[in-house]
């Protein structure tokens, strides 16, 4: 059986591949791309926060509210950037469509 930690580490490789491909397309909204990269910031913050929770509290990160909430802020910000980036792209596409009529 594969451990959750190993599965987590292995899941980074497909995500890095995803980032590599979307960063090379001109169709990806820049703001959304920053949001997808922001997910890596979330991961980078979550790992040490999880270690800290285990060492200092003897609990998983999910059970130390102030640490868990602090880490989740980074995921929330990343998600907001993704949504705003695609929203901006949809608005621009609608404006281009109106201009062509």
PDB file of N, CA and C in Angstrom:
ATOM      1  N   UNK A   1       0.853  -1.183   0.000  1.00  0.00           N
ATOM      2  CA  UNK A   1       0.000   0.000   0.000  1.00  0.00           C
ATOM      3  C   UNK A   1       0.891   1.237   0.000  1.00  0.00           C
ATOM      4  N   UNK A   2       0.557   2.177  -0.836  1.00  0.00           N
ATOM      5  CA  UNK A   2       1.332   3.410  -0.943  1.00  0.00           C
ATOM      6  C   UNK A   2       0.854   4.391   0.142  1.00  0.00           C
ATOM      7  N   UNK A   3       1.812   5.033   0.788  1.00  0.00           N
ATOM      8  CA  UNK A   3       1.454   5.965   1.860  1.00  0.00           C
ATOM      9  C   UNK A   3       0.912   7.263   1.268  1.00  0.00           C
ATOM     10  N   UNK A   4       0.152   7.988   2.075  1.00  0.00           N
ATOM     11  CA  UNK A   4      -0.419   9.244   1.594  1.00  0.00           C
ATOM     12  C   UNK A   4       0.679  10.277   1.321  1.00  0.00           C
ATOM     13  N   UNK A   5       1.763  10.218   2.079  1.00  0.00           N
ATOM     14  CA  UNK A   5       2.873  11.141   1.865  1.00  0.00           C
ATOM     15  C   UNK A   5       3.543  10.882   0.522  1.00  0.00           C
ATOM     16  N   UNK A   6       3.737   9.601   0.194  1.00  0.00           N
ATOM     17  CA  UNK A   6       4.340   9.235  -1.084  1.00  0.00           C
ATOM     18  C   UNK A   6       3.426   9.627  -2.235  1.00  0.00           C
ATOM     19  N   UNK A   7       2.145   9.368  -2.071  1.00  0.00           N
ATOM     20  CA  UNK A   7       1.185   9.731  -3.107  1.00  0.00           C
ATOM     21  C   UNK A   7       1.169  11.244  -3.317  1.00  0.00           C
ATOM     22  N   UNK A   8       1.231  11.983  -2.241  1.00  0.00           N
ATOM     23  CA  UNK A   8       1.283  13.444  -2.328  1.00  0.00           C
ATOM     24  C   UNK A   8       2.508  13.901  -3.102  1.00  0.00           C
ATOM     25  N   UNK A   9       3.663  13.342  -2.764  1.00  0.00           N
ATOM     26  CA  UNK A   9       4.904  13.714  -3.448  1.00  0.00           C
ATOM     27  C   UNK A   9       4.845  13.351  -4.929  1.00  0.00           C
ATOM     28  N   UNK A  10       4.326  12.183  -5.226  1.00  0.00           N
ATOM     29  CA  UNK A  10       4.235  11.756  -6.625  1.00  0.00           C
ATOM     30  C   UNK A  10       3.241  12.595  -7.429  1.00  0.00           C
ATOM     31  N   UNK A  11       2.239  13.128  -6.764  1.00  0.00           N
ATOM     32  CA  UNK A  11       1.238  13.932  -7.468  1.00  0.00           C
ATOM     33  C   UNK A  11       1.807  15.262  -7.955  1.00  0.00           C
ATOM     34  N   UNK A  12       2.933  15.666  -7.414  1.00  0.00           N
ATOM     35  CA  UNK A  12       3.549  16.910  -7.863  1.00  0.00           C
ATOM     36  C   UNK A  12       4.046  16.814  -9.303  1.00  0.00           C
ATOM     37  N   UNK A  13       4.494  15.630  -9.728  1.00  0.00           N
ATOM     38  CA  UNK A  13       5.050  15.489 -11.070  1.00  0.00           C
ATOM     39  C   UNK A  13       4.016  15.737 -12.167  1.00  0.00           C
ATOM     40  N   UNK A  14       2.822  15.154 -12.103  1.00  0.00           N
ATOM     41  CA  UNK A  14       1.831  15.496 -13.127  1.00  0.00           C
ATOM     42  C   UNK A  14       1.438  16.975 -13.076  1.00  0.00           C
ATOM     43  N   UNK A  15       1.387  17.534 -11.879  1.00  0.00           N
ATOM     44  CA  UNK A  15       1.016  18.947 -11.768  1.00  0.00           C
ATOM     45  C   UNK A  15       2.096  19.832 -12.379  1.00  0.00           C
ATOM     46  N   UNK A  16       3.351  19.498 -12.151  1.00  0.00           N
ATOM     47  CA  UNK A  16       4.438  20.255 -12.767  1.00  0.00           C
ATOM     48  C   UNK A  16       4.381  20.143 -14.284  1.00  0.00           C
ATOM     49  N   UNK A  17       4.022  18.968 -14.793  1.00  0.00           N
ATOM     50  CA  UNK A  17       3.835  18.796 -16.231  1.00  0.00           C
ATOM     51  C   UNK A  17       2.702  19.668 -16.747  1.00  0.00           C
ATOM     52  N   UNK A  18       1.607  19.704 -16.014  1.00  0.00           N
ATOM     53  CA  UNK A  18       0.477  20.564 -16.352  1.00  0.00           C
ATOM     54  C   UNK A  18       0.921  22.021 -16.426  1.00  0.00           C
ATOM     55  N   UNK A  19       1.674  22.473 -15.425  1.00  0.00           N
ATOM     56  CA  UNK A  19       2.154  23.855 -15.415  1.00  0.00           C
ATOM     57  C   UNK A  19       3.079  24.133 -16.597  1.00  0.00           C
ATOM     58  N   UNK A  20       3.910  23.165 -16.916  1.00  0.00           N
ATOM     59  CA  UNK A  20       4.839  23.332 -18.036  1.00  0.00           C
ATOM     60  C   UNK A  20       4.060  23.551 -19.333  1.00  0.00           C
ATOM     61  N   UNK A  21       3.048  22.731 -19.556  1.00  0.00           N
ATOM     62  CA  UNK A  21       2.270  22.844 -20.792  1.00  0.00           C
ATOM     63  C   UNK A  21       1.451  24.133 -20.840  1.00  0.00           C
ATOM     64  N   UNK A  22       0.775  24.480 -19.753  1.00  0.00           N
ATOM     65  CA  UNK A  22      -0.083  25.670 -19.811  1.00  0.00           C
ATOM     66  C   UNK A  22       0.729  26.962 -19.849  1.00  0.00           C
ATOM     67  N   UNK A  23       1.953  26.918 -19.362  1.00  0.00           N
ATOM     68  CA  UNK A  23       2.770  28.138 -19.410  1.00  0.00           C
ATOM     69  C   UNK A  23       3.303  28.399 -20.812  1.00  0.00           C
ATOM     70  N   UNK A  24       3.195  27.429 -21.698  1.00  0.00           N
ATOM     71  CA  UNK A  24       3.677  27.584 -23.061  1.00  0.00           C
ATOM     72  C   UNK A  24       2.590  27.942 -24.068  1.00  0.00           C
ATOM     73  N   UNK A  25       1.375  28.026 -23.630  1.00  0.00           N
ATOM     74  CA  UNK A  25       0.299  28.398 -24.534  1.00  0.00           C
ATOM     75  C   UNK A  25      -0.038  29.874 -24.373  1.00  0.00           C
ATOM     76  N   UNK A  26      -0.333  30.506 -25.472  1.00  0.00           N
ATOM     77  CA  UNK A  26      -0.712  31.926 -25.432  1.00  0.00           C
ATOM     78  C   UNK A  26      -2.171  32.100 -25.025  1.00  0.00           C
ATOM     79  N   UNK A  27      -2.924  31.027 -25.011  1.00  0.00           N
ATOM     80  CA  UNK A  27      -4.348  31.116 -24.689  1.00  0.00           C
ATOM     81  C   UNK A  27      -4.615  31.115 -23.183  1.00  0.00           C
ATOM     82  N   UNK A  28      -3.647  30.717 -22.398  1.00  0.00           N
ATOM     83  CA  UNK A  28      -3.840  30.682 -20.941  1.00  0.00           C
ATOM     84  C   UNK A  28      -3.780  32.102 -20.388  1.00  0.00           C
ATOM     85  N   UNK A  29      -4.835  32.545 -19.721  1.00  0.00           N
ATOM     86  CA  UNK A  29      -4.795  33.882 -19.106  1.00  0.00           C
ATOM     87  C   UNK A  29      -3.672  33.949 -18.070  1.00  0.00           C
ATOM     88  N   UNK A  30      -2.894  34.996 -18.140  1.00  0.00           N
ATOM     89  CA  UNK A  30      -1.730  35.150 -17.250  1.00  0.00           C
ATOM     90  C   UNK A  30      -2.139  35.101 -15.776  1.00  0.00           C
ATOM     91  N   UNK A  31      -3.197  35.785 -15.424  1.00  0.00           N
ATOM     92  CA  UNK A  31      -3.623  35.811 -14.021  1.00  0.00           C
ATOM     93  C   UNK A  31      -3.990  34.409 -13.538  1.00  0.00           C
ATOM     94  N   UNK A  32      -4.663  33.644 -14.388  1.00  0.00           N
ATOM     95  CA  UNK A  32      -5.006  32.261 -14.038  1.00  0.00           C
ATOM     96  C   UNK A  32      -3.733  31.424 -13.906  1.00  0.00           C
ATOM     97  N   UNK A  33      -2.780  31.660 -14.789  1.00  0.00           N
ATOM     98  CA  UNK A  33      -1.507  30.938 -14.706  1.00  0.00           C
ATOM     99  C   UNK A  33      -0.811  31.222 -13.377  1.00  0.00           C
ATOM    100  N   UNK A  34      -0.829  32.478 -12.963  1.00  0.00           N
ATOM    101  CA  UNK A  34      -0.240  32.822 -11.656  1.00  0.00           C
ATOM    102  C   UNK A  34      -0.970  32.088 -10.527  1.00  0.00           C
ATOM    103  N   UNK A  35      -2.269  31.953 -10.667  1.00  0.00           N
ATOM    104  CA  UNK A  35      -3.040  31.212  -9.668  1.00  0.00           C
ATOM    105  C   UNK A  35      -2.637  29.752  -9.614  1.00  0.00           C
ATOM    106  N   UNK A  36      -2.457  29.136 -10.794  1.00  0.00           N
ATOM    107  CA  UNK A  36      -2.025  27.737 -10.809  1.00  0.00           C
ATOM    108  C   UNK A  36      -0.633  27.584 -10.202  1.00  0.00           C
ATOM    109  N   UNK A  37       0.245  28.545 -10.464  1.00  0.00           N
ATOM    110  CA  UNK A  37       1.560  28.512  -9.816  1.00  0.00           C
ATOM    111  C   UNK A  37       1.432  28.774  -8.314  1.00  0.00           C
ATOM    112  N   UNK A  38       0.442  29.579  -7.934  1.00  0.00           N
ATOM    113  CA  UNK A  38       0.203  29.843  -6.520  1.00  0.00           C
ATOM    114  C   UNK A  38      -0.148  28.586  -5.742  1.00  0.00           C
ATOM    115  N   UNK A  39      -0.693  27.599  -6.432  1.00  0.00           N
ATOM    116  CA  UNK A  39      -0.976  26.321  -5.779  1.00  0.00           C
ATOM    117  C   UNK A  39       0.318  25.683  -5.280  1.00  0.00           C
ATOM    118  N   UNK A  40       1.403  25.900  -6.011  1.00  0.00           N
ATOM    119  CA  UNK A  40       2.704  25.397  -5.541  1.00  0.00           C
ATOM    120  C   UNK A  40       3.144  26.116  -4.270  1.00  0.00           C
ATOM    121  N   UNK A  41       2.808  27.393  -4.166  1.00  0.00           N
ATOM    122  CA  UNK A  41       3.109  28.135  -2.930  1.00  0.00           C
ATOM    123  C   UNK A  41       2.338  27.509  -1.777  1.00  0.00           C
ATOM    124  N   UNK A  42       1.073  27.181  -2.029  1.00  0.00           N
ATOM    125  CA  UNK A  42       0.270  26.503  -1.011  1.00  0.00           C
ATOM    126  C   UNK A  42       0.950  25.208  -0.566  1.00  0.00           C
ATOM    127  N   UNK A  43       1.419  24.421  -1.509  1.00  0.00           N
ATOM    128  CA  UNK A  43       2.096  23.156  -1.181  1.00  0.00           C
ATOM    129  C   UNK A  43       3.366  23.442  -0.384  1.00  0.00           C
ATOM    130  N   UNK A  44       4.113  24.454  -0.825  1.00  0.00           N
ATOM    131  CA  UNK A  44       5.365  24.800  -0.144  1.00  0.00           C
ATOM    132  C   UNK A  44       5.124  25.264   1.292  1.00  0.00           C
ATOM    133  N   UNK A  45       3.992  25.876   1.548  1.00  0.00           N
ATOM    134  CA  UNK A  45       3.652  26.327   2.905  1.00  0.00           C
ATOM    135  C   UNK A  45       3.080  25.174   3.730  1.00  0.00           C
ATOM    136  N   UNK A  46       2.308  24.322   3.086  1.00  0.00           N
ATOM    137  CA  UNK A  46       1.625  23.238   3.788  1.00  0.00           C
ATOM    138  C   UNK A  46       2.590  22.202   4.344  1.00  0.00           C
ATOM    139  N   UNK A  47       3.617  21.884   3.600  1.00  0.00           N
ATOM    140  CA  UNK A  47       4.560  20.841   4.049  1.00  0.00           C
ATOM    141  C   UNK A  47       5.232  21.222   5.365  1.00  0.00           C
ATOM    142  N   UNK A  48       5.887  22.400   5.458  1.00  0.00           N
ATOM    143  CA  UNK A  48       6.490  22.740   6.755  1.00  0.00           C
ATOM    144  C   UNK A  48       5.457  22.952   7.863  1.00  0.00           C
ATOM    145  N   UNK A  49       4.273  23.462   7.504  1.00  0.00           N
ATOM    146  CA  UNK A  49       3.226  23.638   8.518  1.00  0.00           C
ATOM    147  C   UNK A  49       2.793  22.285   9.068  1.00  0.00           C
ATOM    148  N   UNK A  50       2.686  21.287   8.197  1.00  0.00           N
ATOM    149  CA  UNK A  50       2.332  19.936   8.635  1.00  0.00           C
ATOM    150  C   UNK A  50       3.392  19.325   9.534  1.00  0.00           C
ATOM    151  N   UNK A  51       4.641  19.555   9.177  1.00  0.00           N
ATOM    152  CA  UNK A  51       5.748  19.048  10.010  1.00  0.00           C
ATOM    153  C   UNK A  51       5.730  19.731  11.374  1.00  0.00           C
ATOM    154  N   UNK A  52       5.519  21.040  11.361  1.00  0.00           N
ATOM    155  CA  UNK A  52       5.462  21.797  12.609  1.00  0.00           C
ATOM    156  C   UNK A  52       4.319  21.295  13.499  1.00  0.00           C
ATOM    157  N   UNK A  53       3.162  21.070  12.901  1.00  0.00           N
ATOM    158  CA  UNK A  53       2.008  20.578  13.662  1.00  0.00           C
ATOM    159  C   UNK A  53       2.318  19.230  14.295  1.00  0.00           C
ATOM    160  N   UNK A  54       2.987  18.361  13.549  1.00  0.00           N
ATOM    161  CA  UNK A  54       3.303  17.025  14.067  1.00  0.00           C
ATOM    162  C   UNK A  54       4.349  17.092  15.179  1.00  0.00           C
ATOM    163  N   UNK A  55       5.389  17.902  14.973  1.00  0.00           N
ATOM    164  CA  UNK A  55       6.483  17.977  15.952  1.00  0.00           C
ATOM    165  C   UNK A  55       6.053  18.693  17.228  1.00  0.00           C
ATOM    166  N   UNK A  56       5.390  19.819  17.088  1.00  0.00           N
ATOM    167  CA  UNK A  56       5.084  20.642  18.259  1.00  0.00           C
ATOM    168  C   UNK A  56       3.759  20.314  18.946  1.00  0.00           C
ATOM    169  N   UNK A  57       2.812  19.750  18.207  1.00  0.00           N
ATOM    170  CA  UNK A  57       1.506  19.456  18.792  1.00  0.00           C
ATOM    171  C   UNK A  57       1.181  17.969  18.782  1.00  0.00           C
ATOM    172  N   UNK A  58       1.966  17.189  18.051  1.00  0.00           N
ATOM    173  CA  UNK A  58       1.693  15.763  17.950  1.00  0.00           C
ATOM    174  C   UNK A  58       0.398  15.462  17.211  1.00  0.00           C
ATOM    175  N   UNK A  59      -0.015  16.383  16.343  1.00  0.00           N
ATOM    176  CA  UNK A  59      -1.266  16.242  15.594  1.00  0.00           C
ATOM    177  C   UNK A  59      -1.010  16.492  14.117  1.00  0.00           C
ATOM    178  N   UNK A  60      -1.956  16.061  13.304  1.00  0.00           N
ATOM    179  CA  UNK A  60      -1.857  16.367  11.881  1.00  0.00           C
ATOM    180  C   UNK A  60      -2.228  17.828  11.662  1.00  0.00           C
ATOM    181  N   UNK A  61      -1.822  18.357  10.535  1.00  0.00           N
ATOM    182  CA  UNK A  61      -2.092  19.760  10.218  1.00  0.00           C
ATOM    183  C   UNK A  61      -3.585  20.072  10.268  1.00  0.00           C
ATOM    184  N   UNK A  62      -4.406  19.155   9.802  1.00  0.00           N
ATOM    185  CA  UNK A  62      -5.859  19.371   9.777  1.00  0.00           C
ATOM    186  C   UNK A  62      -6.441  19.575  11.175  1.00  0.00           C
ATOM    187  N   UNK A  63      -5.723  19.142  12.200  1.00  0.00           N
ATOM    188  CA  UNK A  63      -6.222  19.252  13.576  1.00  0.00           C
ATOM    189  C   UNK A  63      -5.623  20.411  14.355  1.00  0.00           C
ATOM    190  N   UNK A  64      -4.839  21.246  13.703  1.00  0.00           N
ATOM    191  CA  UNK A  64      -4.302  22.452  14.340  1.00  0.00           C
ATOM    192  C   UNK A  64      -4.859  23.631  13.551  1.00  0.00           C
ATOM    193  N   UNK A  65      -5.983  24.140  14.036  1.00  0.00           N
ATOM    194  CA  UNK A  65      -6.775  25.100  13.268  1.00  0.00           C
ATOM    195  C   UNK A  65      -5.989  26.309  12.776  1.00  0.00           C
ATOM    196  N   UNK A  66      -5.199  26.937  13.643  1.00  0.00           N
ATOM    197  CA  UNK A  66      -4.531  28.171  13.234  1.00  0.00           C
ATOM    198  C   UNK A  66      -3.498  27.908  12.143  1.00  0.00           C
ATOM    199  N   UNK A  67      -2.822  26.775  12.191  1.00  0.00           N
ATOM    200  CA  UNK A  67      -1.862  26.431  11.140  1.00  0.00           C
ATOM    201  C   UNK A  67      -2.577  26.025   9.858  1.00  0.00           C
ATOM    202  N   UNK A  68      -3.603  25.220  10.013  1.00  0.00           N
ATOM    203  CA  UNK A  68      -4.352  24.749   8.856  1.00  0.00           C
ATOM    204  C   UNK A  68      -5.007  25.925   8.129  1.00  0.00           C
ATOM    205  N   UNK A  69      -5.630  26.802   8.870  1.00  0.00           N
ATOM    206  CA  UNK A  69      -6.257  27.980   8.271  1.00  0.00           C
ATOM    207  C   UNK A  69      -5.253  28.882   7.586  1.00  0.00           C
ATOM    208  N   UNK A  70      -4.098  29.055   8.219  1.00  0.00           N
ATOM    209  CA  UNK A  70      -3.048  29.872   7.618  1.00  0.00           C
ATOM    210  C   UNK A  70      -2.544  29.299   6.301  1.00  0.00           C
ATOM    211  N   UNK A  71      -2.403  27.991   6.250  1.00  0.00           N
ATOM    212  CA  UNK A  71      -1.968  27.346   5.009  1.00  0.00           C
ATOM    213  C   UNK A  71      -3.049  27.441   3.946  1.00  0.00           C
ATOM    214  N   UNK A  72      -4.298  27.266   4.343  1.00  0.00           N
ATOM    215  CA  UNK A  72      -5.409  27.298   3.389  1.00  0.00           C
ATOM    216  C   UNK A  72      -5.603  28.679   2.766  1.00  0.00           C
ATOM    217  N   UNK A  73      -5.146  29.715   3.437  1.00  0.00           N
ATOM    218  CA  UNK A  73      -5.221  31.065   2.862  1.00  0.00           C
ATOM    219  C   UNK A  73      -4.499  31.098   1.516  1.00  0.00           C
ATOM    220  N   UNK A  74      -3.367  30.423   1.424  1.00  0.00           N
ATOM    221  CA  UNK A  74      -2.605  30.413   0.176  1.00  0.00           C
ATOM    222  C   UNK A  74      -3.358  29.693  -0.939  1.00  0.00           C
ATOM    223  N   UNK A  75      -4.064  28.638  -0.609  1.00  0.00           N
ATOM    224  CA  UNK A  75      -4.880  27.940  -1.611  1.00  0.00           C
ATOM    225  C   UNK A  75      -6.053  28.818  -2.040  1.00  0.00           C
ATOM    226  N   UNK A  76      -6.656  29.496  -1.091  1.00  0.00           N
ATOM    227  CA  UNK A  76      -7.766  30.392  -1.407  1.00  0.00           C
ATOM    228  C   UNK A  76      -7.312  31.507  -2.343  1.00  0.00           C
ATOM    229  N   UNK A  77      -6.174  32.113  -2.057  1.00  0.00           N
ATOM    230  CA  UNK A  77      -5.649  33.176  -2.920  1.00  0.00           C
ATOM    231  C   UNK A  77      -5.341  32.651  -4.322  1.00  0.00           C
ATOM    232  N   UNK A  78      -4.762  31.467  -4.393  1.00  0.00           N
ATOM    233  CA  UNK A  78      -4.470  30.861  -5.695  1.00  0.00           C
ATOM    234  C   UNK A  78      -5.751  30.622  -6.475  1.00  0.00           C
ATOM    235  N   UNK A  79      -6.776  30.108  -5.806  1.00  0.00           N
ATOM    236  CA  UNK A  79      -8.058  29.861  -6.472  1.00  0.00           C
ATOM    237  C   UNK A  79      -8.702  31.155  -6.950  1.00  0.00           C
ATOM    238  N   UNK A  80      -8.594  32.205  -6.160  1.00  0.00           N
ATOM    239  CA  UNK A  80      -9.149  33.500  -6.560  1.00  0.00           C
ATOM    240  C   UNK A  80      -8.458  34.001  -7.829  1.00  0.00           C
ATOM    241  N   UNK A  81      -7.144  33.854  -7.905  1.00  0.00           N
ATOM    242  CA  UNK A  81      -6.417  34.275  -9.103  1.00  0.00           C
ATOM    243  C   UNK A  81      -6.847  33.482 -10.330  1.00  0.00           C
ATOM    244  N   UNK A  82      -7.053  32.186 -10.167  1.00  0.00           N
ATOM    245  CA  UNK A  82      -7.507  31.354 -11.287  1.00  0.00           C
ATOM    246  C   UNK A  82      -8.873  31.836 -11.777  1.00  0.00           C
ATOM    247  N   UNK A  83      -9.788  32.030 -10.856  1.00  0.00           N
ATOM    248  CA  UNK A  83     -11.139  32.464 -11.225  1.00  0.00           C
ATOM    249  C   UNK A  83     -11.108  33.846 -11.878  1.00  0.00           C
ATOM    250  N   UNK A  84     -10.391  34.785 -11.285  1.00  0.00           N
ATOM    251  CA  UNK A  84     -10.322  36.131 -11.860  1.00  0.00           C
ATOM    252  C   UNK A  84      -9.650  36.124 -13.227  1.00  0.00           C
ATOM    253  N   UNK A  85      -8.639  35.283 -13.402  1.00  0.00           N
ATOM    254  CA  UNK A  85      -7.965  35.189 -14.691  1.00  0.00           C
ATOM    255  C   UNK A  85      -8.888  34.693 -15.780  1.00  0.00           C
ATOM    256  N   UNK A  86      -9.646  33.639 -15.501  1.00  0.00           N
ATOM    257  CA  UNK A  86     -10.576  33.122 -16.500  1.00  0.00           C
ATOM    258  C   UNK A  86     -11.763  34.071 -16.700  1.00  0.00           C
ATOM    259  N   UNK A  87     -12.187  34.723 -15.639  1.00  0.00           N
ATOM    260  CA  UNK A  87     -13.262  35.719 -15.774  1.00  0.00           C
ATOM    261  C   UNK A  87     -12.825  36.826 -16.715  1.00  0.00           C
ATOM    262  N   UNK A  88     -11.620  37.310 -16.516  1.00  0.00           N
ATOM    263  CA  UNK A  88     -11.078  38.368 -17.370  1.00  0.00           C
ATOM    264  C   UNK A  88     -11.004  37.897 -18.828  1.00  0.00           C
ATOM    265  N   UNK A  89     -10.584  36.665 -19.047  1.00  0.00           N
ATOM    266  CA  UNK A  89     -10.492  36.117 -20.407  1.00  0.00           C
ATOM    267  C   UNK A  89     -11.867  36.015 -21.063  1.00  0.00           C
ATOM    268  N   UNK A  90     -12.868  35.593 -20.291  1.00  0.00           N
ATOM    269  CA  UNK A  90     -14.230  35.492 -20.833  1.00  0.00           C
ATOM    270  C   UNK A  90     -14.753  36.871 -21.208  1.00  0.00           C
ATOM    271  N   UNK A  91     -14.528  37.850 -20.349  1.00  0.00           N
ATOM    272  CA  UNK A  91     -14.971  39.221 -20.635  1.00  0.00           C
ATOM    273  C   UNK A  91     -14.285  39.750 -21.886  1.00  0.00           C
ATOM    274  N   UNK A  92     -12.991  39.539 -22.014  1.00  0.00           N
ATOM    275  CA  UNK A  92     -12.257  39.997 -23.196  1.00  0.00           C
ATOM    276  C   UNK A  92     -12.753  39.298 -24.455  1.00  0.00           C
ATOM    277  N   UNK A  93     -13.034  38.026 -24.353  1.00  0.00           N
ATOM    278  CA  UNK A  93     -13.530  37.276 -25.511  1.00  0.00           C
ATOM    279  C   UNK A  93     -14.908  37.791 -25.938  1.00  0.00           C
ATOM    280  N   UNK A  94     -15.746  38.128 -24.996  1.00  0.00           N
ATOM    281  CA  UNK A  94     -17.055  38.679 -25.324  1.00  0.00           C
ATOM    282  C   UNK A  94     -16.919  40.043 -26.001  1.00  0.00           C
ATOM    283  N   UNK A  95     -15.965  40.851 -25.538  1.00  0.00           N
ATOM    284  CA  UNK A  95     -15.731  42.169 -26.149  1.00  0.00           C
ATOM    285  C   UNK A  95     -15.219  42.022 -27.565  1.00  0.00           C
ATOM    286  N   UNK A  96     -14.344  41.080 -27.816  1.00  0.00           N
ATOM    287  CA  UNK A  96     -13.832  40.823 -29.155  1.00  0.00           C
ATOM    288  C   UNK A  96     -14.968  40.369 -30.056  1.00  0.00           C
ATOM    289  N   UNK A  97     -15.848  39.520 -29.540  1.00  0.00           N
ATOM    290  CA  UNK A  97     -16.989  39.050 -30.303  1.00  0.00           C
ATOM    291  C   UNK A  97     -17.931  40.186 -30.677  1.00  0.00           C
ATOM    292  N   UNK A  98     -18.125  41.131 -29.772  1.00  0.00           N
ATOM    293  CA  UNK A  98     -18.988  42.286 -30.048  1.00  0.00           C
ATOM    294  C   UNK A  98     -18.353  43.204 -31.092  1.00  0.00           C
ATOM    295  N   UNK A  99     -17.029  43.352 -30.996  1.00  0.00           N
ATOM    296  CA  UNK A  99     -16.327  44.237 -31.931  1.00  0.00           C
ATOM    297  C   UNK A  99     -16.355  43.677 -33.359  1.00  0.00           C
ATOM    298  N   UNK A 100     -16.419  42.361 -33.489  1.00  0.00           N
ATOM    299  CA  UNK A 100     -16.414  41.736 -34.801  1.00  0.00           C
ATOM    300  C   UNK A 100     -17.780  41.802 -35.480  1.00  0.00           C
ATOM    301  N   UNK A 101     -18.825  42.068 -34.732  1.00  0.00           N
ATOM    302  CA  UNK A 101     -20.185  42.120 -35.312  1.00  0.00           C
ATOM    303  C   UNK A 101     -20.448  43.404 -36.032  1.00  0.00           C
TER     304      UNK A 101
END
